[in-house]
Amino acid sequence: MAKTSAKPAPSINIGISEKDRAAIAKGLSRLLADTYTLYLTTHNFHWNVTGPMFNTLHLMFMTQYTELWAAVDPVAERIRSLGHPAPGSYAQFSKLASIPDVPVVPPKALEMVRILVQGHEAVARTARELFPLADKASDEPTADLLTQRLTVHEQTAWMLRSLLEE
């Protein structure tokens, strides 16, 4: 049997410096933590919503948590594409997230809506903070990902906010 020598994987050479890749990955890790935390909060509210708006909110929250669930993979995979490990534990997410964990006692329906508005706006701010880094590094894939996430979070915050108006 012929013996083959294992060669190390080539270093990453995508036109973005290691320093910039590390900074962008760090920011994307915060975005991933915020997205996952908001996913968990939204799913929790889907399970625990009560009151006259139950059916409307139950279905709306399901649509929203499904979108958030689908969003975590592209963010994590972008971190990996930049050559860094993606965080994936509750301990890591709790340290990285800018939004609080879901309340232990489920709030009333409209308070759930208010919490989700604040969560979507916080995730939008986290995404927006990364644009200067992505622009500086000419990292168009990250900028495109951020644009997609901002569109979803800003629109969702608007729709939820509309439920709070009298």
C-alpha atoms as a PDB file:
ATOM      1  CA  MET A   1       0.000   0.000   0.000  1.00  0.00           C
ATOM      2  CA  ALA A   2       1.473   3.328  -1.034  1.00  0.00           C
ATOM      3  CA  LYS A   3       2.002   5.802   1.719  1.00  0.00           C
ATOM      4  CA  THR A   4       0.824   9.338   0.979  1.00  0.00           C
ATOM      5  CA  SER A   5       2.025  12.305   2.876  1.00  0.00           C
ATOM      6  CA  ALA A   6      -0.689  14.591   4.085  1.00  0.00           C
ATOM      7  CA  LYS A   7      -0.179  18.140   3.024  1.00  0.00           C
ATOM      8  CA  PRO A   8      -1.584  20.959   5.096  1.00  0.00           C
ATOM      9  CA  ALA A   9      -4.533  22.810   3.657  1.00  0.00           C
ATOM     10  CA  PRO A  10      -3.460  25.924   1.792  1.00  0.00           C
ATOM     11  CA  SER A  11      -3.851  29.162   3.682  1.00  0.00           C
ATOM     12  CA  ILE A  12      -6.856  31.309   2.877  1.00  0.00           C
ATOM     13  CA  ASN A  13      -6.135  33.731   0.053  1.00  0.00           C
ATOM     14  CA  ILE A  14      -9.428  35.366  -0.953  1.00  0.00           C
ATOM     15  CA  GLY A  15      -8.187  38.935  -1.151  1.00  0.00           C
ATOM     16  CA  ILE A  16      -9.151  39.863   2.422  1.00  0.00           C
ATOM     17  CA  SER A  17      -6.403  40.135   5.034  1.00  0.00           C
ATOM     18  CA  GLU A  18      -6.403  37.866   8.070  1.00  0.00           C
ATOM     19  CA  LYS A  19      -6.918  40.899  10.310  1.00  0.00           C
ATOM     20  CA  ASP A  20      -9.997  42.002   8.349  1.00  0.00           C
ATOM     21  CA  ARG A  21     -11.347  38.444   8.130  1.00  0.00           C
ATOM     22  CA  ALA A  22     -10.992  38.102  11.905  1.00  0.00           C
ATOM     23  CA  ALA A  23     -12.766  41.416  12.570  1.00  0.00           C
ATOM     24  CA  ILE A  24     -15.607  40.584  10.195  1.00  0.00           C
ATOM     25  CA  ALA A  25     -15.957  37.063  11.648  1.00  0.00           C
ATOM     26  CA  LYS A  26     -16.128  38.554  15.140  1.00  0.00           C
ATOM     27  CA  GLY A  27     -18.925  40.883  14.065  1.00  0.00           C
ATOM     28  CA  LEU A  28     -20.741  38.097  12.246  1.00  0.00           C
ATOM     29  CA  SER A  29     -20.484  35.995  15.415  1.00  0.00           C
ATOM     30  CA  ARG A  30     -22.395  38.721  17.268  1.00  0.00           C
ATOM     31  CA  LEU A  31     -24.959  38.760  14.448  1.00  0.00           C
ATOM     32  CA  LEU A  32     -25.288  34.977  14.681  1.00  0.00           C
ATOM     33  CA  ALA A  33     -25.784  35.144  18.460  1.00  0.00           C
ATOM     34  CA  ASP A  34     -28.410  37.877  18.121  1.00  0.00           C
ATOM     35  CA  THR A  35     -30.213  35.986  15.366  1.00  0.00           C
ATOM     36  CA  TYR A  36     -30.249  32.726  17.307  1.00  0.00           C
ATOM     37  CA  THR A  37     -31.384  34.435  20.510  1.00  0.00           C
ATOM     38  CA  LEU A  38     -34.181  36.200  18.631  1.00  0.00           C
ATOM     39  CA  TYR A  39     -35.111  32.886  16.980  1.00  0.00           C
ATOM     40  CA  LEU A  40     -35.410  31.217  20.390  1.00  0.00           C
ATOM     41  CA  THR A  41     -37.431  34.105  21.827  1.00  0.00           C
ATOM     42  CA  THR A  42     -39.797  34.112  18.853  1.00  0.00           C
ATOM     43  CA  HIS A  43     -40.266  30.342  19.020  1.00  0.00           C
ATOM     44  CA  ASN A  44     -40.939  30.578  22.758  1.00  0.00           C
ATOM     45  CA  PHE A  45     -43.564  33.264  22.151  1.00  0.00           C
ATOM     46  CA  HIS A  46     -45.164  31.088  19.455  1.00  0.00           C
ATOM     47  CA  TRP A  47     -45.606  28.343  22.047  1.00  0.00           C
ATOM     48  CA  ASN A  48     -46.770  30.596  24.877  1.00  0.00           C
ATOM     49  CA  VAL A  49     -48.899  33.355  23.340  1.00  0.00           C
ATOM     50  CA  THR A  50     -52.451  33.609  24.691  1.00  0.00           C
ATOM     51  CA  GLY A  51     -55.400  35.968  24.413  1.00  0.00           C
ATOM     52  CA  PRO A  52     -57.707  37.318  21.706  1.00  0.00           C
ATOM     53  CA  MET A  53     -54.868  37.676  19.171  1.00  0.00           C
ATOM     54  CA  PHE A  54     -53.699  34.085  19.709  1.00  0.00           C
ATOM     55  CA  ASN A  55     -54.256  32.733  16.208  1.00  0.00           C
ATOM     56  CA  THR A  56     -52.843  35.782  14.430  1.00  0.00           C
ATOM     57  CA  LEU A  57     -49.736  35.981  16.617  1.00  0.00           C
ATOM     58  CA  HIS A  58     -49.214  32.213  16.807  1.00  0.00           C
ATOM     59  CA  LEU A  59     -49.062  32.040  12.993  1.00  0.00           C
ATOM     60  CA  MET A  60     -47.049  35.255  12.639  1.00  0.00           C
ATOM     61  CA  PHE A  61     -44.476  34.100  15.176  1.00  0.00           C
ATOM     62  CA  MET A  62     -44.160  30.750  13.360  1.00  0.00           C
ATOM     63  CA  THR A  63     -43.428  32.548  10.080  1.00  0.00           C
ATOM     64  CA  GLN A  64     -40.860  34.717  11.848  1.00  0.00           C
ATOM     65  CA  TYR A  65     -39.049  31.965  13.748  1.00  0.00           C
ATOM     66  CA  THR A  66     -38.904  29.859  10.587  1.00  0.00           C
ATOM     67  CA  GLU A  67     -37.221  32.736   8.736  1.00  0.00           C
ATOM     68  CA  LEU A  68     -34.790  33.283  11.620  1.00  0.00           C
ATOM     69  CA  TRP A  69     -33.962  29.574  11.731  1.00  0.00           C
ATOM     70  CA  ALA A  70     -33.142  29.647   8.022  1.00  0.00           C
ATOM     71  CA  ALA A  71     -30.968  32.746   8.557  1.00  0.00           C
ATOM     72  CA  VAL A  72     -28.511  31.298  11.069  1.00  0.00           C
ATOM     73  CA  ASP A  73     -26.895  28.894   8.611  1.00  0.00           C
ATOM     74  CA  PRO A  74     -25.786  31.485   6.014  1.00  0.00           C
ATOM     75  CA  VAL A  75     -24.317  33.676   8.784  1.00  0.00           C
ATOM     76  CA  ALA A  76     -22.427  30.746  10.335  1.00  0.00           C
ATOM     77  CA  GLU A  77     -21.226  29.571   6.936  1.00  0.00           C
ATOM     78  CA  ARG A  78     -19.947  33.045   6.082  1.00  0.00           C
ATOM     79  CA  ILE A  79     -17.897  32.993   9.293  1.00  0.00           C
ATOM     80  CA  ARG A  80     -16.471  29.629   8.223  1.00  0.00           C
ATOM     81  CA  SER A  81     -15.759  30.959   4.715  1.00  0.00           C
ATOM     82  CA  LEU A  82     -13.648  33.662   6.338  1.00  0.00           C
ATOM     83  CA  GLY A  83     -11.597  30.948   8.069  1.00  0.00           C
ATOM     84  CA  HIS A  84     -12.967  31.183  11.595  1.00  0.00           C
ATOM     85  CA  PRO A  85     -15.041  28.848  13.749  1.00  0.00           C
ATOM     86  CA  ALA A  86     -18.699  29.772  14.135  1.00  0.00           C
ATOM     87  CA  PRO A  87     -19.960  29.974  17.716  1.00  0.00           C
ATOM     88  CA  GLY A  88     -22.679  27.452  18.411  1.00  0.00           C
ATOM     89  CA  SER A  89     -23.306  27.048  22.123  1.00  0.00           C
ATOM     90  CA  TYR A  90     -25.758  28.775  24.415  1.00  0.00           C
ATOM     91  CA  ALA A  91     -22.809  29.887  26.555  1.00  0.00           C
ATOM     92  CA  GLN A  92     -21.136  31.540  23.560  1.00  0.00           C
ATOM     93  CA  PHE A  93     -24.377  33.093  22.344  1.00  0.00           C
ATOM     94  CA  SER A  94     -25.166  34.526  25.786  1.00  0.00           C
ATOM     95  CA  LYS A  95     -21.774  36.271  25.824  1.00  0.00           C
ATOM     96  CA  LEU A  96     -22.017  37.560  22.246  1.00  0.00           C
ATOM     97  CA  ALA A  97     -25.679  38.561  21.976  1.00  0.00           C
ATOM     98  CA  SER A  98     -26.782  42.155  22.390  1.00  0.00           C
ATOM     99  CA  ILE A  99     -30.367  41.153  23.127  1.00  0.00           C
ATOM    100  CA  PRO A 100     -31.570  39.583  26.364  1.00  0.00           C
ATOM    101  CA  ASP A 101     -32.711  36.004  26.641  1.00  0.00           C
ATOM    102  CA  VAL A 102     -36.439  35.283  26.542  1.00  0.00           C
ATOM    103  CA  PRO A 103     -38.276  36.160  29.779  1.00  0.00           C
ATOM    104  CA  VAL A 104     -38.705  33.168  32.094  1.00  0.00           C
ATOM    105  CA  VAL A 105     -42.387  33.967  32.623  1.00  0.00           C
ATOM    106  CA  PRO A 106     -44.153  34.470  29.291  1.00  0.00           C
ATOM    107  CA  PRO A 107     -45.378  38.060  28.989  1.00  0.00           C
ATOM    108  CA  LYS A 108     -48.797  39.110  27.694  1.00  0.00           C
ATOM    109  CA  ALA A 109     -49.265  39.023  23.924  1.00  0.00           C
ATOM    110  CA  LEU A 110     -48.639  42.716  23.195  1.00  0.00           C
ATOM    111  CA  GLU A 111     -45.567  42.721  25.434  1.00  0.00           C
ATOM    112  CA  MET A 112     -44.280  39.805  23.359  1.00  0.00           C
ATOM    113  CA  VAL A 113     -44.765  41.948  20.271  1.00  0.00           C
ATOM    114  CA  ARG A 114     -42.919  44.857  21.914  1.00  0.00           C
ATOM    115  CA  ILE A 115     -40.007  42.591  22.914  1.00  0.00           C
ATOM    116  CA  LEU A 116     -39.766  41.254  19.356  1.00  0.00           C
ATOM    117  CA  VAL A 117     -39.773  44.790  17.888  1.00  0.00           C
ATOM    118  CA  GLN A 118     -36.840  45.637  20.148  1.00  0.00           C
ATOM    119  CA  GLY A 119     -35.106  42.382  19.219  1.00  0.00           C
ATOM    120  CA  HIS A 120     -35.416  42.900  15.472  1.00  0.00           C
ATOM    121  CA  GLU A 121     -34.187  46.483  15.799  1.00  0.00           C
ATOM    122  CA  ALA A 122     -31.211  45.304  17.886  1.00  0.00           C
ATOM    123  CA  VAL A 123     -30.281  42.681  15.288  1.00  0.00           C
ATOM    124  CA  ALA A 124     -30.556  45.347  12.579  1.00  0.00           C
ATOM    125  CA  ARG A 125     -28.157  47.574  14.546  1.00  0.00           C
ATOM    126  CA  THR A 126     -25.712  44.687  14.959  1.00  0.00           C
ATOM    127  CA  ALA A 127     -25.807  44.009  11.203  1.00  0.00           C
ATOM    128  CA  ARG A 128     -25.445  47.701  10.342  1.00  0.00           C
ATOM    129  CA  GLU A 129     -22.337  48.042  12.539  1.00  0.00           C
ATOM    130  CA  LEU A 130     -20.526  45.553  10.297  1.00  0.00           C
ATOM    131  CA  PHE A 131     -20.881  47.484   7.051  1.00  0.00           C
ATOM    132  CA  PRO A 132     -17.785  49.662   7.576  1.00  0.00           C
ATOM    133  CA  LEU A 133     -15.641  46.553   8.119  1.00  0.00           C
ATOM    134  CA  ALA A 134     -17.088  44.782   5.079  1.00  0.00           C
ATOM    135  CA  ASP A 135     -16.697  47.913   2.931  1.00  0.00           C
ATOM    136  CA  LYS A 136     -13.101  48.492   4.055  1.00  0.00           C
ATOM    137  CA  ALA A 137     -12.201  44.902   3.143  1.00  0.00           C
ATOM    138  CA  SER A 138     -14.206  44.910  -0.119  1.00  0.00           C
ATOM    139  CA  ASP A 139     -16.110  41.954   1.324  1.00  0.00           C
ATOM    140  CA  GLU A 140     -19.135  42.002  -0.953  1.00  0.00           C
ATOM    141  CA  PRO A 141     -20.523  38.600   0.134  1.00  0.00           C
ATOM    142  CA  THR A 142     -20.709  39.786   3.741  1.00  0.00           C
ATOM    143  CA  ALA A 143     -22.191  43.135   2.676  1.00  0.00           C
ATOM    144  CA  ASP A 144     -24.816  41.290   0.622  1.00  0.00           C
ATOM    145  CA  LEU A 145     -25.667  39.041   3.581  1.00  0.00           C
ATOM    146  CA  LEU A 146     -25.967  42.077   5.843  1.00  0.00           C
ATOM    147  CA  THR A 147     -28.250  43.843   3.368  1.00  0.00           C
ATOM    148  CA  GLN A 148     -30.521  40.799   3.229  1.00  0.00           C
ATOM    149  CA  ARG A 149     -30.677  40.554   7.020  1.00  0.00           C
ATOM    150  CA  LEU A 150     -31.324  44.283   7.451  1.00  0.00           C
ATOM    151  CA  THR A 151     -34.215  44.126   5.007  1.00  0.00           C
ATOM    152  CA  VAL A 152     -35.875  41.312   6.960  1.00  0.00           C
ATOM    153  CA  HIS A 153     -35.303  42.775  10.425  1.00  0.00           C
ATOM    154  CA  GLU A 154     -36.385  46.308   9.575  1.00  0.00           C
ATOM    155  CA  GLN A 155     -39.522  45.097   7.780  1.00  0.00           C
ATOM    156  CA  THR A 156     -40.425  42.683  10.578  1.00  0.00           C
ATOM    157  CA  ALA A 157     -39.933  45.395  13.215  1.00  0.00           C
ATOM    158  CA  TRP A 158     -42.242  47.701  11.237  1.00  0.00           C
ATOM    159  CA  MET A 159     -44.935  45.029  10.924  1.00  0.00           C
ATOM    160  CA  LEU A 160     -44.771  44.147  14.609  1.00  0.00           C
ATOM    161  CA  ARG A 161     -44.692  47.819  15.615  1.00  0.00           C
ATOM    162  CA  SER A 162     -47.889  48.350  13.605  1.00  0.00           C
ATOM    163  CA  LEU A 163     -49.688  45.930  15.936  1.00  0.00           C
ATOM    164  CA  LEU A 164     -48.879  48.204  18.882  1.00  0.00           C
ATOM    165  CA  GLU A 165     -50.479  51.317  17.409  1.00  0.00           C
ATOM    166  CA  GLU A 166     -53.873  52.339  18.725  1.00  0.00           C
END
